[in-house]
Each structure stands twice: as structure tokens, then as C-alpha cells.
Protein backbone atom coordinates (compact mmCIF):
# COMPACT_ATOMS: atom_id res chain seq x y z
CA MET A 1 -35.66 6.47 21.34
CA LYS A 2 -33.35 3.32 22.03
CA LYS A 3 -33.63 3.53 17.79
CA ILE A 4 -33.04 7.31 17.39
CA PHE A 5 -29.23 6.39 19.97
CA PHE A 6 -28.38 3.41 18.48
CA LEU A 7 -28.34 5.35 15.07
CA SER A 8 -26.87 8.28 16.20
CA THR A 9 -23.89 6.29 18.00
CA LEU A 10 -23.33 4.33 14.70
CA LEU A 11 -23.56 7.74 12.47
CA SER A 12 -20.84 9.41 14.77
CA TYR A 13 -18.59 6.12 14.63
CA ILE A 14 -18.95 6.00 11.27
CA LEU A 15 -18.01 10.03 10.62
CA LEU A 16 -14.92 9.66 13.28
CA PHE A 17 -13.10 6.45 10.87
CA THR A 18 -13.86 8.10 7.81
CA ALA A 19 -12.48 11.27 9.31
CA CYS A 20 -9.53 9.22 10.57
CA ASP A 21 -9.08 7.36 7.21
CA THR A 22 -9.32 10.90 5.27
CA ASP A 23 -6.77 12.19 7.43
CA TYR A 24 -3.93 9.46 6.69
CA LYS A 25 -4.80 9.21 2.95
CA GLN A 26 -4.02 13.04 3.38
CA GLN A 27 -0.98 12.62 5.69
CA ASP A 28 0.48 9.70 3.36
CA ASP A 29 -0.03 11.78 0.24
CA GLU A 30 2.33 14.74 2.22
CA LEU A 31 4.91 12.13 3.13
CA LEU A 32 5.34 10.33 -0.08
CA GLN A 33 5.46 13.65 -1.97
CA GLN A 34 8.11 14.90 0.10
CA TYR A 35 9.83 11.76 -0.18
CA ILE A 36 9.75 12.12 -4.27
CA GLN A 37 10.66 15.56 -3.91
CA ASP A 38 13.84 14.55 -1.20
CA ASN A 39 15.10 11.73 -3.51
CA ASN A 40 14.62 13.69 -6.63
CA LEU A 41 12.25 11.02 -8.24
CA ASN A 42 10.22 11.68 -11.33
CA ALA A 43 7.32 10.47 -9.91
CA ILE A 44 3.93 9.35 -12.16
CA SER A 45 0.52 9.77 -9.43
CA ALA A 46 -1.79 7.11 -10.19
CA GLN A 47 -4.98 5.84 -8.60
CA ASP A 48 -5.90 5.99 -5.10
CA GLY A 49 -2.48 7.59 -3.89
CA LEU A 50 -0.41 5.55 -5.70
CA TYR A 51 2.65 6.63 -7.40
CA TYR A 52 5.20 4.78 -9.56
CA THR A 53 8.46 5.59 -11.27
CA ILE A 54 9.99 3.56 -14.26
CA ASP A 55 13.22 3.45 -14.46
CA VAL A 56 13.61 0.71 -17.11
CA ILE A 57 10.77 0.98 -19.58
CA GLY A 58 10.90 -2.63 -20.40
CA THR A 59 9.62 -4.87 -23.47
CA GLY A 60 7.09 -7.35 -22.86
CA ILE A 61 4.02 -7.66 -22.14
CA GLN A 62 1.86 -6.11 -18.60
CA ALA A 63 -0.39 -7.79 -16.09
CA THR A 64 -3.85 -7.58 -17.12
CA SER A 65 -6.02 -8.63 -14.16
CA LEU A 66 -5.63 -9.28 -10.77
CA TYR A 67 -5.03 -13.15 -12.04
CA SER A 68 -2.05 -12.70 -13.90
CA THR A 69 1.01 -14.19 -12.26
CA VAL A 70 4.28 -12.23 -11.99
CA THR A 71 7.74 -13.27 -11.23
CA VAL A 72 9.98 -10.26 -9.70
CA ASN A 73 12.35 -9.18 -7.94
CA TYR A 74 12.01 -6.66 -5.01
CA THR A 75 13.18 -4.78 -1.99
CA GLY A 76 10.43 -3.34 0.30
CA TYR A 77 11.30 -0.20 2.48
CA MET A 78 10.09 2.31 4.79
CA LEU A 79 10.21 6.13 3.78
CA ASP A 80 13.80 5.94 6.22
CA GLY A 81 15.21 3.73 4.03
CA SER A 82 15.02 0.90 6.17
CA ILE A 83 14.58 -2.83 4.41
CA PHE A 84 11.40 -4.33 5.52
CA ASP A 85 11.74 -7.52 2.77
CA SER A 86 13.71 -8.54 0.09
CA ASN A 87 14.36 -10.85 -2.35
CA SER A 88 17.64 -9.68 -3.27
CA GLY A 89 20.36 -12.54 -3.36
CA ALA A 90 17.54 -15.38 -3.46
CA SER A 91 15.39 -16.60 -6.38
CA PRO A 92 12.49 -14.50 -7.89
CA LEU A 93 9.32 -15.02 -6.74
CA THR A 94 6.24 -15.56 -8.71
CA PHE A 95 2.81 -15.06 -7.85
CA SER A 96 -0.58 -14.25 -8.65
CA LEU A 97 -1.29 -10.62 -8.26
CA SER A 98 -4.40 -11.61 -6.25
CA GLN A 99 -1.95 -12.52 -3.32
CA VAL A 100 -0.51 -9.09 -2.78
CA ILE A 101 -1.59 -5.73 -1.25
CA LYS A 102 -3.60 -3.91 -3.37
CA GLY A 103 -0.49 -1.21 -3.95
CA TRP A 104 1.32 -3.71 -5.86
CA GLN A 105 -2.11 -4.89 -7.59
CA TYR A 106 -2.44 -1.13 -8.85
CA GLY A 107 1.16 -0.93 -9.87
CA ILE A 108 2.39 -3.59 -11.41
CA PRO A 109 0.36 -3.69 -14.34
CA TYR A 110 2.38 -0.23 -15.04
CA PHE A 111 5.20 -2.39 -15.70
CA LYS A 112 6.08 -4.46 -18.90
CA GLU A 113 8.11 -7.43 -18.56
CA GLY A 114 11.64 -6.41 -18.23
CA GLY A 115 10.79 -3.08 -16.10
CA LYS A 116 12.32 -1.66 -13.17
CA GLY A 117 10.99 0.92 -11.07
CA LYS A 118 9.56 2.19 -7.49
CA LEU A 119 5.54 1.91 -6.19
CA LEU A 120 5.23 3.85 -3.30
CA ILE A 121 2.62 3.34 -1.66
CA PRO A 122 0.28 4.95 0.82
CA SER A 123 -0.46 2.89 3.73
CA HIS A 124 -4.08 1.92 2.97
CA LEU A 125 -2.92 0.22 0.02
CA ALA A 126 0.04 -1.65 2.17
CA TYR A 127 -1.06 -3.12 5.58
CA GLY A 128 -3.32 0.02 6.50
CA SER A 129 -4.25 0.74 10.24
CA SER A 130 -3.22 -3.08 11.16
CA GLY A 131 0.57 -3.15 9.98
CA SER A 132 2.23 -6.31 9.03
CA GLY A 133 5.13 -7.65 11.25
CA SER A 134 8.18 -4.97 11.29
CA ILE A 135 5.62 -2.50 9.66
CA PRO A 136 4.28 -0.30 12.08
CA PRO A 137 0.34 0.74 11.37
CA ASN A 138 -0.28 3.51 8.86
CA THR A 139 2.93 3.17 7.16
CA PRO A 140 3.71 4.25 3.47
CA LEU A 141 6.11 1.99 1.47
CA VAL A 142 8.58 1.97 -1.22
CA PHE A 143 9.21 -0.93 -3.46
CA GLU A 144 12.15 -1.22 -5.59
CA ILE A 145 10.66 -3.90 -8.40
CA ASP A 146 12.40 -5.76 -11.21
CA LEU A 147 9.58 -7.25 -13.40
CA ILE A 148 10.54 -10.33 -15.23
CA THR A 149 7.87 -12.46 -16.46
CA VAL A 150 3.76 -12.32 -16.73
CA GLN A 151 1.71 -14.29 -17.74
CA ASN A 152 -1.85 -13.39 -18.21
């Protein structure tokens, strides 16, 4: 009897959290689509709810794996336009894609060296239900990206 109660309770929690996750994915997608429409963006739908724009196509190579090292300039902001992070005016940042949020891991490979554009990232590919610093939980994000170099 205890085993059945435990299993039914566990199943209820799994269904509850799965439903919540699905609700946030749908809500994020609606918010991102509205942002795209409001800002007249020509955004491309990519995997798992990610959208991106290419403003400058670039002419160099593209990142090919999580172990690719990229150098970028970027500005990150929330859908209301408030900036939460930027390296504008500072030196470009270099890092492995394995060290960043999934939205960057999925999105950066769409850009070629010299390319510029935006990544529109649903919360589950960013900081999810925990948030980070000034970023509240379940917050979709936008990053303006300037991909300077790629090393595969």
C-alpha cells in the first residue's frame, strides 16, 4: 500500500512539473513571437523554441561543436529592453560554447565569423526556473551578437 501511495505521489509530481514546464515553453513562445512582431524582426525559428536573426551574414567559418571556442561582442537584454549584461566598450569575450547557456550553444552555430544578429532565447534555454542575478526566473532573453572569431 505504501509503495502504491509513493508511486502515485511521485507520478503526480512528475505530471505537475512537466505541465508547468510545458506552460512556460508555450508562454515564452507567445512572448517571443509578440516581441518579433512588435520589433518587425525577420526571425527564423530554430530548435526547441529558439529564434534568431541574421543582420550581417559574415564570411568566415561557423562553430561546429560544443568545444568550439568563439570570440564575441554582445549585449543581453530582457524583452522589455532592459540590459542585464554587455561587453560593449570592453574587450571581446572568448569562451567555449560548452561554458554558456543552451540558447547560445544552439544559436551561435547559425552565425559565421563576422556575422551579426540576435538570439531570442526562451527561458528553458537560458536560466530557467532559477533565474540568475538580475534575471528573474522563467524570463526569455534577447542577445545581440557580433561573432568575431571561431576556433573549431
